[in-house]
């Protein structure tokens, strides 16, 4: 009987903000794990998503968007995560958006220029392109001007060509035993995922009304019989931001909590009792010590 050869390795998903990295991870995994919104830099942390098939374990590393300007500690933290992630993986998926090639894309390309592991350039959102004939010369130009081994057009949102992308990645992964149990989908705790869900709902609700100076800390996560009790503390930097977040007669924070609870119940397959508070903590986003205490580490 022939022994099954298994492959296992780490794959970093990198790119400028808002090209669909978290959407790609969610659709590859077949379930929502990484938070998404139209607002750039929604992803702040390195998040591992694990997909195990019959002969391959893909360990995806979703990263924040690499961006210009490192004015605050939180921006430097996010860029540092991307830099360390691409040094410690077996394959890099460099995600760009259809025919766009912006200065931020060029920054990512330069970071990957000396990378030792294979780089696959995935052109996302091709479903939005009206003239597909211009795609081929664009792909050829990118192949000539970047340090990538292969280019593939995809639509993460509509699952187009994702099977082909997985096969290209699989061929580059080393032969290994699996690093994680076959039923595990992430390395992050339930507390972390709960905080991210709340933060996503805030970002989606408020759009540009609330700047980036907002984070979520889970103060309690406990289970009593069939109910999970979660207490989420939302930190902002100014009193005006607190008023915006709470909304008229508390309607906005109530809606955010309701939407977050619904997602949590799906993720944890359990009834959830969620309570949220808003607190002002000025200057947290530019304070290295405060960031570490709030879970902004480089794991």
C-alpha atoms as a PDB file:
ATOM      1  CA  UNK A   1       0.000   0.000   0.000  1.00  0.00           C
ATOM      2  CA  UNK A   2       1.437   3.363  -1.076  1.00  0.00           C
ATOM      3  CA  UNK A   3       1.920   5.794   1.772  1.00  0.00           C
ATOM      4  CA  UNK A   4       0.096   9.107   1.294  1.00  0.00           C
ATOM      5  CA  UNK A   5       2.556  11.964   0.790  1.00  0.00           C
ATOM      6  CA  UNK A   6       1.364  15.032   2.652  1.00  0.00           C
ATOM      7  CA  UNK A   7       2.394  18.633   2.182  1.00  0.00           C
ATOM      8  CA  UNK A   8       2.200  21.348   4.805  1.00  0.00           C
ATOM      9  CA  UNK A   9       3.462  24.910   4.996  1.00  0.00           C
ATOM     10  CA  UNK A  10       2.809  28.576   5.631  1.00  0.00           C
ATOM     11  CA  UNK A  11       1.422  30.955   3.005  1.00  0.00           C
ATOM     12  CA  UNK A  12       1.433  34.724   3.589  1.00  0.00           C
ATOM     13  CA  UNK A  13      -1.302  36.759   1.897  1.00  0.00           C
ATOM     14  CA  UNK A  14       0.142  40.246   1.341  1.00  0.00           C
ATOM     15  CA  UNK A  15      -0.823  43.384  -0.552  1.00  0.00           C
ATOM     16  CA  UNK A  16      -1.765  47.006  -0.107  1.00  0.00           C
ATOM     17  CA  UNK A  17      -4.823  47.869   2.009  1.00  0.00           C
ATOM     18  CA  UNK A  18      -8.275  46.946   0.732  1.00  0.00           C
ATOM     19  CA  UNK A  19      -7.396  44.568  -2.132  1.00  0.00           C
ATOM     20  CA  UNK A  20      -9.374  41.681  -0.603  1.00  0.00           C
ATOM     21  CA  UNK A  21      -6.836  39.714   1.456  1.00  0.00           C
ATOM     22  CA  UNK A  22      -9.275  38.872   4.266  1.00  0.00           C
ATOM     23  CA  UNK A  23     -12.040  38.048   1.773  1.00  0.00           C
ATOM     24  CA  UNK A  24      -9.657  35.652   0.013  1.00  0.00           C
ATOM     25  CA  UNK A  25      -8.820  33.908   3.289  1.00  0.00           C
ATOM     26  CA  UNK A  26     -12.490  33.546   4.257  1.00  0.00           C
ATOM     27  CA  UNK A  27     -13.493  32.072   0.898  1.00  0.00           C
ATOM     28  CA  UNK A  28     -10.542  29.691   0.739  1.00  0.00           C
ATOM     29  CA  UNK A  29     -11.426  28.416   4.227  1.00  0.00           C
ATOM     30  CA  UNK A  30     -15.119  28.221   3.371  1.00  0.00           C
ATOM     31  CA  UNK A  31     -16.120  30.183   6.481  1.00  0.00           C
ATOM     32  CA  UNK A  32     -15.739  33.656   7.918  1.00  0.00           C
ATOM     33  CA  UNK A  33     -12.676  33.993  10.082  1.00  0.00           C
ATOM     34  CA  UNK A  34     -11.029  37.289   9.150  1.00  0.00           C
ATOM     35  CA  UNK A  35     -13.014  40.523   9.431  1.00  0.00           C
ATOM     36  CA  UNK A  36     -13.700  42.595   6.333  1.00  0.00           C
ATOM     37  CA  UNK A  37     -14.983  46.043   5.418  1.00  0.00           C
ATOM     38  CA  UNK A  38     -14.591  48.589   2.643  1.00  0.00           C
ATOM     39  CA  UNK A  39     -12.443  50.707   4.954  1.00  0.00           C
ATOM     40  CA  UNK A  40      -8.700  50.272   4.296  1.00  0.00           C
ATOM     41  CA  UNK A  41      -6.563  48.763   7.078  1.00  0.00           C
ATOM     42  CA  UNK A  42      -9.469  46.942   8.706  1.00  0.00           C
ATOM     43  CA  UNK A  43      -7.055  44.062   9.365  1.00  0.00           C
ATOM     44  CA  UNK A  44      -4.570  44.997  12.104  1.00  0.00           C
ATOM     45  CA  UNK A  45      -3.261  41.656  13.315  1.00  0.00           C
ATOM     46  CA  UNK A  46      -1.597  38.626  11.810  1.00  0.00           C
ATOM     47  CA  UNK A  47      -4.251  35.925  11.664  1.00  0.00           C
ATOM     48  CA  UNK A  48      -3.638  32.283  10.787  1.00  0.00           C
ATOM     49  CA  UNK A  49      -6.320  30.346   8.924  1.00  0.00           C
ATOM     50  CA  UNK A  50      -5.839  26.597   8.448  1.00  0.00           C
ATOM     51  CA  UNK A  51      -7.288  24.576   5.567  1.00  0.00           C
ATOM     52  CA  UNK A  52      -6.691  20.823   5.648  1.00  0.00           C
ATOM     53  CA  UNK A  53      -7.489  18.578   2.683  1.00  0.00           C
ATOM     54  CA  UNK A  54      -6.817  14.895   2.047  1.00  0.00           C
ATOM     55  CA  UNK A  55      -3.107  15.436   1.385  1.00  0.00           C
ATOM     56  CA  UNK A  56      -2.322  19.087   2.177  1.00  0.00           C
ATOM     57  CA  UNK A  57      -2.474  21.450   5.129  1.00  0.00           C
ATOM     58  CA  UNK A  58      -2.444  25.078   4.023  1.00  0.00           C
ATOM     59  CA  UNK A  59      -1.564  27.474   6.846  1.00  0.00           C
ATOM     60  CA  UNK A  60      -2.545  30.921   5.579  1.00  0.00           C
ATOM     61  CA  UNK A  61      -1.255  34.072   7.255  1.00  0.00           C
ATOM     62  CA  UNK A  62      -3.578  37.037   6.688  1.00  0.00           C
ATOM     63  CA  UNK A  63      -1.681  40.292   7.192  1.00  0.00           C
ATOM     64  CA  UNK A  64      -2.540  43.996   7.443  1.00  0.00           C
ATOM     65  CA  UNK A  65      -2.186  46.053   4.281  1.00  0.00           C
ATOM     66  CA  UNK A  66       1.334  47.362   3.755  1.00  0.00           C
ATOM     67  CA  UNK A  67       1.035  51.119   3.576  1.00  0.00           C
ATOM     68  CA  UNK A  68       3.044  54.307   3.299  1.00  0.00           C
ATOM     69  CA  UNK A  69       3.542  56.550   6.292  1.00  0.00           C
ATOM     70  CA  UNK A  70       4.287  55.233   9.763  1.00  0.00           C
ATOM     71  CA  UNK A  71       3.216  58.230  11.818  1.00  0.00           C
ATOM     72  CA  UNK A  72       1.764  56.295  14.738  1.00  0.00           C
ATOM     73  CA  UNK A  73       2.896  53.268  16.687  1.00  0.00           C
ATOM     74  CA  UNK A  74      -0.067  51.241  15.399  1.00  0.00           C
ATOM     75  CA  UNK A  75       0.932  51.933  11.769  1.00  0.00           C
ATOM     76  CA  UNK A  76       4.522  50.879  12.462  1.00  0.00           C
ATOM     77  CA  UNK A  77       3.190  47.763  14.188  1.00  0.00           C
ATOM     78  CA  UNK A  78       1.106  46.765  11.145  1.00  0.00           C
ATOM     79  CA  UNK A  79       3.969  47.242   8.689  1.00  0.00           C
ATOM     80  CA  UNK A  80       6.278  45.278  10.996  1.00  0.00           C
ATOM     81  CA  UNK A  81       3.847  42.344  10.959  1.00  0.00           C
ATOM     82  CA  UNK A  82       3.927  42.178   7.151  1.00  0.00           C
ATOM     83  CA  UNK A  83       7.730  42.325   7.040  1.00  0.00           C
ATOM     84  CA  UNK A  84       8.151  39.482   9.534  1.00  0.00           C
ATOM     85  CA  UNK A  85       5.397  37.378   7.944  1.00  0.00           C
ATOM     86  CA  UNK A  86       7.028  37.244   4.498  1.00  0.00           C
ATOM     87  CA  UNK A  87      10.333  36.151   6.027  1.00  0.00           C
ATOM     88  CA  UNK A  88       8.877  33.131   7.806  1.00  0.00           C
ATOM     89  CA  UNK A  89       6.680  31.437   5.186  1.00  0.00           C
ATOM     90  CA  UNK A  90       7.034  28.879   2.383  1.00  0.00           C
ATOM     91  CA  UNK A  91       4.928  30.748  -0.210  1.00  0.00           C
ATOM     92  CA  UNK A  92       3.717  34.329  -0.632  1.00  0.00           C
ATOM     93  CA  UNK A  93       0.453  35.238  -2.371  1.00  0.00           C
ATOM     94  CA  UNK A  94       0.784  38.854  -3.509  1.00  0.00           C
ATOM     95  CA  UNK A  95      -2.720  40.212  -4.078  1.00  0.00           C
ATOM     96  CA  UNK A  96      -3.431  43.143  -6.409  1.00  0.00           C
ATOM     97  CA  UNK A  97      -6.683  44.550  -7.805  1.00  0.00           C
ATOM     98  CA  UNK A  98      -7.510  43.916 -11.520  1.00  0.00           C
ATOM     99  CA  UNK A  99      -5.692  46.480 -13.710  1.00  0.00           C
ATOM    100  CA  UNK A 100      -4.638  48.779 -10.886  1.00  0.00           C
ATOM    101  CA  UNK A 101      -0.969  49.201 -10.000  1.00  0.00           C
ATOM    102  CA  UNK A 102      -0.628  51.889  -7.340  1.00  0.00           C
ATOM    103  CA  UNK A 103       2.430  53.231  -5.489  1.00  0.00           C
ATOM    104  CA  UNK A 104       1.421  51.018  -2.535  1.00  0.00           C
ATOM    105  CA  UNK A 105       1.555  47.953  -4.838  1.00  0.00           C
ATOM    106  CA  UNK A 106       5.051  49.004  -5.889  1.00  0.00           C
ATOM    107  CA  UNK A 107       6.071  49.179  -2.205  1.00  0.00           C
ATOM    108  CA  UNK A 108       4.912  45.590  -1.669  1.00  0.00           C
ATOM    109  CA  UNK A 109       6.684  44.452  -4.856  1.00  0.00           C
ATOM    110  CA  UNK A 110       9.946  46.016  -3.637  1.00  0.00           C
ATOM    111  CA  UNK A 111       9.611  44.300  -0.252  1.00  0.00           C
ATOM    112  CA  UNK A 112       9.244  40.982  -2.091  1.00  0.00           C
ATOM    113  CA  UNK A 113      12.052  41.614  -4.604  1.00  0.00           C
ATOM    114  CA  UNK A 114      14.682  39.801  -2.529  1.00  0.00           C
ATOM    115  CA  UNK A 115      12.359  37.235  -1.006  1.00  0.00           C
ATOM    116  CA  UNK A 116      13.720  33.707  -1.102  1.00  0.00           C
ATOM    117  CA  UNK A 117      10.412  31.817  -1.208  1.00  0.00           C
ATOM    118  CA  UNK A 118       8.120  31.560  -4.283  1.00  0.00           C
ATOM    119  CA  UNK A 119       5.760  34.493  -4.870  1.00  0.00           C
ATOM    120  CA  UNK A 120       2.416  33.994  -6.640  1.00  0.00           C
ATOM    121  CA  UNK A 121       0.774  37.169  -7.925  1.00  0.00           C
ATOM    122  CA  UNK A 122      -3.017  36.902  -7.739  1.00  0.00           C
ATOM    123  CA  UNK A 123      -4.988  39.535  -9.637  1.00  0.00           C
ATOM    124  CA  UNK A 124      -8.223  39.911  -7.665  1.00  0.00           C
ATOM    125  CA  UNK A 125     -11.658  41.274  -8.595  1.00  0.00           C
ATOM    126  CA  UNK A 126     -11.341  40.321 -12.283  1.00  0.00           C
ATOM    127  CA  UNK A 127     -15.117  39.810 -12.276  1.00  0.00           C
ATOM    128  CA  UNK A 128     -15.415  43.616 -12.275  1.00  0.00           C
ATOM    129  CA  UNK A 129     -13.391  44.009 -15.475  1.00  0.00           C
ATOM    130  CA  UNK A 130     -15.445  44.887 -18.540  1.00  0.00           C
ATOM    131  CA  UNK A 131     -12.695  44.275 -21.119  1.00  0.00           C
ATOM    132  CA  UNK A 132     -10.952  40.973 -20.330  1.00  0.00           C
ATOM    133  CA  UNK A 133      -8.693  41.253 -23.405  1.00  0.00           C
ATOM    134  CA  UNK A 134      -6.475  43.826 -21.682  1.00  0.00           C
ATOM    135  CA  UNK A 135      -5.784  41.400 -18.832  1.00  0.00           C
ATOM    136  CA  UNK A 136      -3.262  39.212 -20.681  1.00  0.00           C
ATOM    137  CA  UNK A 137      -0.825  42.018 -21.649  1.00  0.00           C
ATOM    138  CA  UNK A 138      -1.179  43.423 -18.115  1.00  0.00           C
ATOM    139  CA  UNK A 139      -0.242  40.017 -16.669  1.00  0.00           C
ATOM    140  CA  UNK A 140       2.734  39.759 -19.031  1.00  0.00           C
ATOM    141  CA  UNK A 141       3.980  43.197 -17.976  1.00  0.00           C
ATOM    142  CA  UNK A 142       3.718  42.313 -14.295  1.00  0.00           C
ATOM    143  CA  UNK A 143       5.544  39.041 -14.879  1.00  0.00           C
ATOM    144  CA  UNK A 144       8.434  40.908 -16.484  1.00  0.00           C
ATOM    145  CA  UNK A 145       8.629  43.677 -13.859  1.00  0.00           C
ATOM    146  CA  UNK A 146       8.152  41.826 -10.578  1.00  0.00           C
ATOM    147  CA  UNK A 147       9.844  38.978  -8.743  1.00  0.00           C
ATOM    148  CA  UNK A 148       6.963  36.490  -9.087  1.00  0.00           C
ATOM    149  CA  UNK A 149       6.926  32.874 -10.257  1.00  0.00           C
ATOM    150  CA  UNK A 150       3.361  32.790 -11.508  1.00  0.00           C
ATOM    151  CA  UNK A 151       0.368  35.064 -12.089  1.00  0.00           C
ATOM    152  CA  UNK A 152      -3.255  34.004 -11.761  1.00  0.00           C
ATOM    153  CA  UNK A 153      -6.480  36.034 -12.179  1.00  0.00           C
ATOM    154  CA  UNK A 154      -9.089  35.376  -9.479  1.00  0.00           C
ATOM    155  CA  UNK A 155     -12.244  36.679  -7.854  1.00  0.00           C
ATOM    156  CA  UNK A 156     -12.048  35.953  -4.130  1.00  0.00           C
ATOM    157  CA  UNK A 157     -15.621  37.114  -3.527  1.00  0.00           C
ATOM    158  CA  UNK A 158     -17.091  34.865  -6.236  1.00  0.00           C
ATOM    159  CA  UNK A 159     -14.741  31.877  -5.747  1.00  0.00           C
ATOM    160  CA  UNK A 160     -13.383  32.179  -9.284  1.00  0.00           C
ATOM    161  CA  UNK A 161     -10.140  30.261  -9.905  1.00  0.00           C
ATOM    162  CA  UNK A 162      -9.516  29.649  -6.192  1.00  0.00           C
ATOM    163  CA  UNK A 163      -9.132  25.877  -6.754  1.00  0.00           C
ATOM    164  CA  UNK A 164      -6.425  26.611  -9.310  1.00  0.00           C
ATOM    165  CA  UNK A 165      -4.717  29.012  -6.892  1.00  0.00           C
ATOM    166  CA  UNK A 166      -4.720  26.324  -4.186  1.00  0.00           C
ATOM    167  CA  UNK A 167      -3.180  23.811  -6.585  1.00  0.00           C
ATOM    168  CA  UNK A 168      -0.392  26.241  -7.545  1.00  0.00           C
ATOM    169  CA  UNK A 169       0.292  26.852  -3.847  1.00  0.00           C
ATOM    170  CA  UNK A 170       0.225  23.115  -3.063  1.00  0.00           C
ATOM    171  CA  UNK A 171       2.929  22.409  -5.630  1.00  0.00           C
ATOM    172  CA  UNK A 172       5.228  24.868  -3.841  1.00  0.00           C
ATOM    173  CA  UNK A 173       4.667  23.568  -0.307  1.00  0.00           C
ATOM    174  CA  UNK A 174       7.248  21.201   1.210  1.00  0.00           C
ATOM    175  CA  UNK A 175       6.500  17.575   2.044  1.00  0.00           C
ATOM    176  CA  UNK A 176       5.665  17.646   5.743  1.00  0.00           C
ATOM    177  CA  UNK A 177       3.475  16.106   8.387  1.00  0.00           C
ATOM    178  CA  UNK A 178       0.618  18.392   9.422  1.00  0.00           C
ATOM    179  CA  UNK A 179       1.495  21.025  12.031  1.00  0.00           C
ATOM    180  CA  UNK A 180      -2.055  21.368  13.382  1.00  0.00           C
ATOM    181  CA  UNK A 181      -4.946  18.972  14.104  1.00  0.00           C
ATOM    182  CA  UNK A 182      -7.065  18.436  10.978  1.00  0.00           C
ATOM    183  CA  UNK A 183     -10.155  20.078  12.515  1.00  0.00           C
ATOM    184  CA  UNK A 184      -8.369  23.248  13.694  1.00  0.00           C
ATOM    185  CA  UNK A 185      -9.028  26.387  11.613  1.00  0.00           C
ATOM    186  CA  UNK A 186      -7.032  29.086  13.420  1.00  0.00           C
ATOM    187  CA  UNK A 187      -4.364  29.722  16.034  1.00  0.00           C
ATOM    188  CA  UNK A 188      -6.336  32.571  17.590  1.00  0.00           C
ATOM    189  CA  UNK A 189      -8.469  32.375  20.718  1.00  0.00           C
ATOM    190  CA  UNK A 190     -12.223  32.805  20.929  1.00  0.00           C
ATOM    191  CA  UNK A 191     -11.604  36.049  22.841  1.00  0.00           C
ATOM    192  CA  UNK A 192      -9.556  37.429  19.960  1.00  0.00           C
ATOM    193  CA  UNK A 193     -12.157  36.432  17.354  1.00  0.00           C
ATOM    194  CA  UNK A 194     -14.935  38.006  19.451  1.00  0.00           C
ATOM    195  CA  UNK A 195     -13.059  41.315  19.656  1.00  0.00           C
ATOM    196  CA  UNK A 196     -12.460  41.276  15.905  1.00  0.00           C
ATOM    197  CA  UNK A 197     -16.157  40.671  15.164  1.00  0.00           C
ATOM    198  CA  UNK A 198     -17.173  43.666  17.312  1.00  0.00           C
ATOM    199  CA  UNK A 199     -14.527  45.820  15.629  1.00  0.00           C
ATOM    200  CA  UNK A 200     -15.782  44.792  12.179  1.00  0.00           C
ATOM    201  CA  UNK A 201     -19.359  45.810  13.007  1.00  0.00           C
ATOM    202  CA  UNK A 202     -18.176  49.190  14.298  1.00  0.00           C
ATOM    203  CA  UNK A 203     -16.098  49.779  11.155  1.00  0.00           C
ATOM    204  CA  UNK A 204     -18.966  48.808   8.870  1.00  0.00           C
ATOM    205  CA  UNK A 205     -21.501  50.915  10.781  1.00  0.00           C
ATOM    206  CA  UNK A 206     -19.449  54.074  11.065  1.00  0.00           C
ATOM    207  CA  UNK A 207     -17.311  54.117   7.922  1.00  0.00           C
ATOM    208  CA  UNK A 208     -15.376  57.397   7.890  1.00  0.00           C
ATOM    209  CA  UNK A 209     -17.214  58.827  10.914  1.00  0.00           C
ATOM    210  CA  UNK A 210     -14.839  57.114  13.329  1.00  0.00           C
ATOM    211  CA  UNK A 211     -11.082  57.313  12.700  1.00  0.00           C
ATOM    212  CA  UNK A 212      -8.713  54.423  13.334  1.00  0.00           C
ATOM    213  CA  UNK A 213      -8.353  55.300  17.022  1.00  0.00           C
ATOM    214  CA  UNK A 214     -10.745  52.542  18.120  1.00  0.00           C
ATOM    215  CA  UNK A 215     -10.049  49.069  19.447  1.00  0.00           C
ATOM    216  CA  UNK A 216     -11.882  46.344  21.346  1.00  0.00           C
ATOM    217  CA  UNK A 217     -10.835  44.415  24.441  1.00  0.00           C
ATOM    218  CA  UNK A 218     -12.744  41.368  25.708  1.00  0.00           C
ATOM    219  CA  UNK A 219     -12.965  41.648  29.498  1.00  0.00           C
ATOM    220  CA  UNK A 220     -14.955  38.457  30.048  1.00  0.00           C
ATOM    221  CA  UNK A 221     -15.471  35.292  28.013  1.00  0.00           C
ATOM    222  CA  UNK A 222     -17.184  32.523  29.953  1.00  0.00           C
ATOM    223  CA  UNK A 223     -19.636  29.698  29.359  1.00  0.00           C
ATOM    224  CA  UNK A 224     -22.588  28.926  31.618  1.00  0.00           C
ATOM    225  CA  UNK A 225     -24.385  25.761  30.485  1.00  0.00           C
ATOM    226  CA  UNK A 226     -25.364  26.472  26.856  1.00  0.00           C
ATOM    227  CA  UNK A 227     -24.754  30.232  26.884  1.00  0.00           C
ATOM    228  CA  UNK A 228     -21.473  32.082  26.218  1.00  0.00           C
ATOM    229  CA  UNK A 229     -21.190  35.375  28.121  1.00  0.00           C
ATOM    230  CA  UNK A 230     -18.992  38.001  26.447  1.00  0.00           C
ATOM    231  CA  UNK A 231     -18.185  41.490  27.771  1.00  0.00           C
ATOM    232  CA  UNK A 232     -16.563  43.775  25.207  1.00  0.00           C
ATOM    233  CA  UNK A 233     -14.852  47.049  26.099  1.00  0.00           C
ATOM    234  CA  UNK A 234     -14.598  49.462  23.159  1.00  0.00           C
ATOM    235  CA  UNK A 235     -11.792  52.001  23.499  1.00  0.00           C
ATOM    236  CA  UNK A 236     -11.746  55.331  21.654  1.00  0.00           C
ATOM    237  CA  UNK A 237      -9.460  58.342  22.037  1.00  0.00           C
ATOM    238  CA  UNK A 238     -11.935  61.251  22.321  1.00  0.00           C
ATOM    239  CA  UNK A 239     -15.273  61.984  23.971  1.00  0.00           C
ATOM    240  CA  UNK A 240     -16.719  62.983  20.589  1.00  0.00           C
ATOM    241  CA  UNK A 241     -15.877  59.534  19.228  1.00  0.00           C
ATOM    242  CA  UNK A 242     -17.633  57.950  22.197  1.00  0.00           C
ATOM    243  CA  UNK A 243     -20.810  59.948  21.476  1.00  0.00           C
ATOM    244  CA  UNK A 244     -20.721  58.951  17.798  1.00  0.00           C
ATOM    245  CA  UNK A 245     -20.274  55.290  18.699  1.00  0.00           C
ATOM    246  CA  UNK A 246     -23.100  55.206  21.224  1.00  0.00           C
ATOM    247  CA  UNK A 247     -25.475  57.107  18.939  1.00  0.00           C
ATOM    248  CA  UNK A 248     -28.813  58.735  19.694  1.00  0.00           C
ATOM    249  CA  UNK A 249     -30.289  57.118  22.830  1.00  0.00           C
ATOM    250  CA  UNK A 250     -27.782  54.278  22.476  1.00  0.00           C
ATOM    251  CA  UNK A 251     -29.315  53.026  19.214  1.00  0.00           C
ATOM    252  CA  UNK A 252     -26.026  52.712  17.327  1.00  0.00           C
ATOM    253  CA  UNK A 253     -24.144  50.708  19.960  1.00  0.00           C
ATOM    254  CA  UNK A 254     -27.229  48.514  20.362  1.00  0.00           C
ATOM    255  CA  UNK A 255     -27.264  47.730  16.626  1.00  0.00           C
ATOM    256  CA  UNK A 256     -23.516  47.013  16.615  1.00  0.00           C
ATOM    257  CA  UNK A 257     -23.969  44.615  19.538  1.00  0.00           C
ATOM    258  CA  UNK A 258     -26.883  42.842  17.857  1.00  0.00           C
ATOM    259  CA  UNK A 259     -24.975  42.303  14.598  1.00  0.00           C
ATOM    260  CA  UNK A 260     -21.847  41.143  16.449  1.00  0.00           C
ATOM    261  CA  UNK A 261     -23.837  38.698  18.567  1.00  0.00           C
ATOM    262  CA  UNK A 262     -25.421  37.127  15.484  1.00  0.00           C
ATOM    263  CA  UNK A 263     -21.992  36.485  13.933  1.00  0.00           C
ATOM    264  CA  UNK A 264     -20.625  35.129  17.218  1.00  0.00           C
ATOM    265  CA  UNK A 265     -23.485  32.641  17.527  1.00  0.00           C
ATOM    266  CA  UNK A 266     -22.685  31.311  14.050  1.00  0.00           C
ATOM    267  CA  UNK A 267     -18.939  31.115  14.737  1.00  0.00           C
ATOM    268  CA  UNK A 268     -19.241  29.485  18.178  1.00  0.00           C
ATOM    269  CA  UNK A 269     -22.397  27.476  17.388  1.00  0.00           C
ATOM    270  CA  UNK A 270     -23.901  28.607  20.687  1.00  0.00           C
ATOM    271  CA  UNK A 271     -26.251  31.165  22.183  1.00  0.00           C
ATOM    272  CA  UNK A 272     -24.321  34.320  23.107  1.00  0.00           C
ATOM    273  CA  UNK A 273     -25.073  37.025  25.657  1.00  0.00           C
ATOM    274  CA  UNK A 274     -23.025  40.066  24.623  1.00  0.00           C
ATOM    275  CA  UNK A 275     -22.569  43.260  26.629  1.00  0.00           C
ATOM    276  CA  UNK A 276     -20.538  46.225  25.356  1.00  0.00           C
ATOM    277  CA  UNK A 277     -19.162  49.405  26.936  1.00  0.00           C
ATOM    278  CA  UNK A 278     -17.420  52.424  25.429  1.00  0.00           C
ATOM    279  CA  UNK A 279     -14.506  54.078  27.234  1.00  0.00           C
ATOM    280  CA  UNK A 280     -12.173  56.951  26.347  1.00  0.00           C
ATOM    281  CA  UNK A 281      -8.442  56.129  26.566  1.00  0.00           C
ATOM    282  CA  UNK A 282      -6.580  58.968  24.901  1.00  0.00           C
ATOM    283  CA  UNK A 283      -3.379  58.290  22.971  1.00  0.00           C
ATOM    284  CA  UNK A 284      -3.532  54.479  23.021  1.00  0.00           C
ATOM    285  CA  UNK A 285      -2.861  54.115  19.259  1.00  0.00           C
ATOM    286  CA  UNK A 286       0.502  55.908  19.536  1.00  0.00           C
ATOM    287  CA  UNK A 287       1.678  54.264  22.747  1.00  0.00           C
ATOM    288  CA  UNK A 288       3.825  51.127  22.294  1.00  0.00           C
ATOM    289  CA  UNK A 289       3.186  49.948  25.859  1.00  0.00           C
ATOM    290  CA  UNK A 290      -0.576  50.469  25.585  1.00  0.00           C
ATOM    291  CA  UNK A 291      -0.606  48.591  22.276  1.00  0.00           C
ATOM    292  CA  UNK A 292       1.138  45.581  23.820  1.00  0.00           C
ATOM    293  CA  UNK A 293      -1.294  45.550  26.749  1.00  0.00           C
ATOM    294  CA  UNK A 294      -4.181  45.543  24.272  1.00  0.00           C
ATOM    295  CA  UNK A 295      -2.845  42.504  22.422  1.00  0.00           C
ATOM    296  CA  UNK A 296      -0.979  44.231  19.609  1.00  0.00           C
ATOM    297  CA  UNK A 297       2.016  41.921  19.589  1.00  0.00           C
ATOM    298  CA  UNK A 298       3.912  40.407  16.691  1.00  0.00           C
ATOM    299  CA  UNK A 299       2.740  36.798  16.995  1.00  0.00           C
END
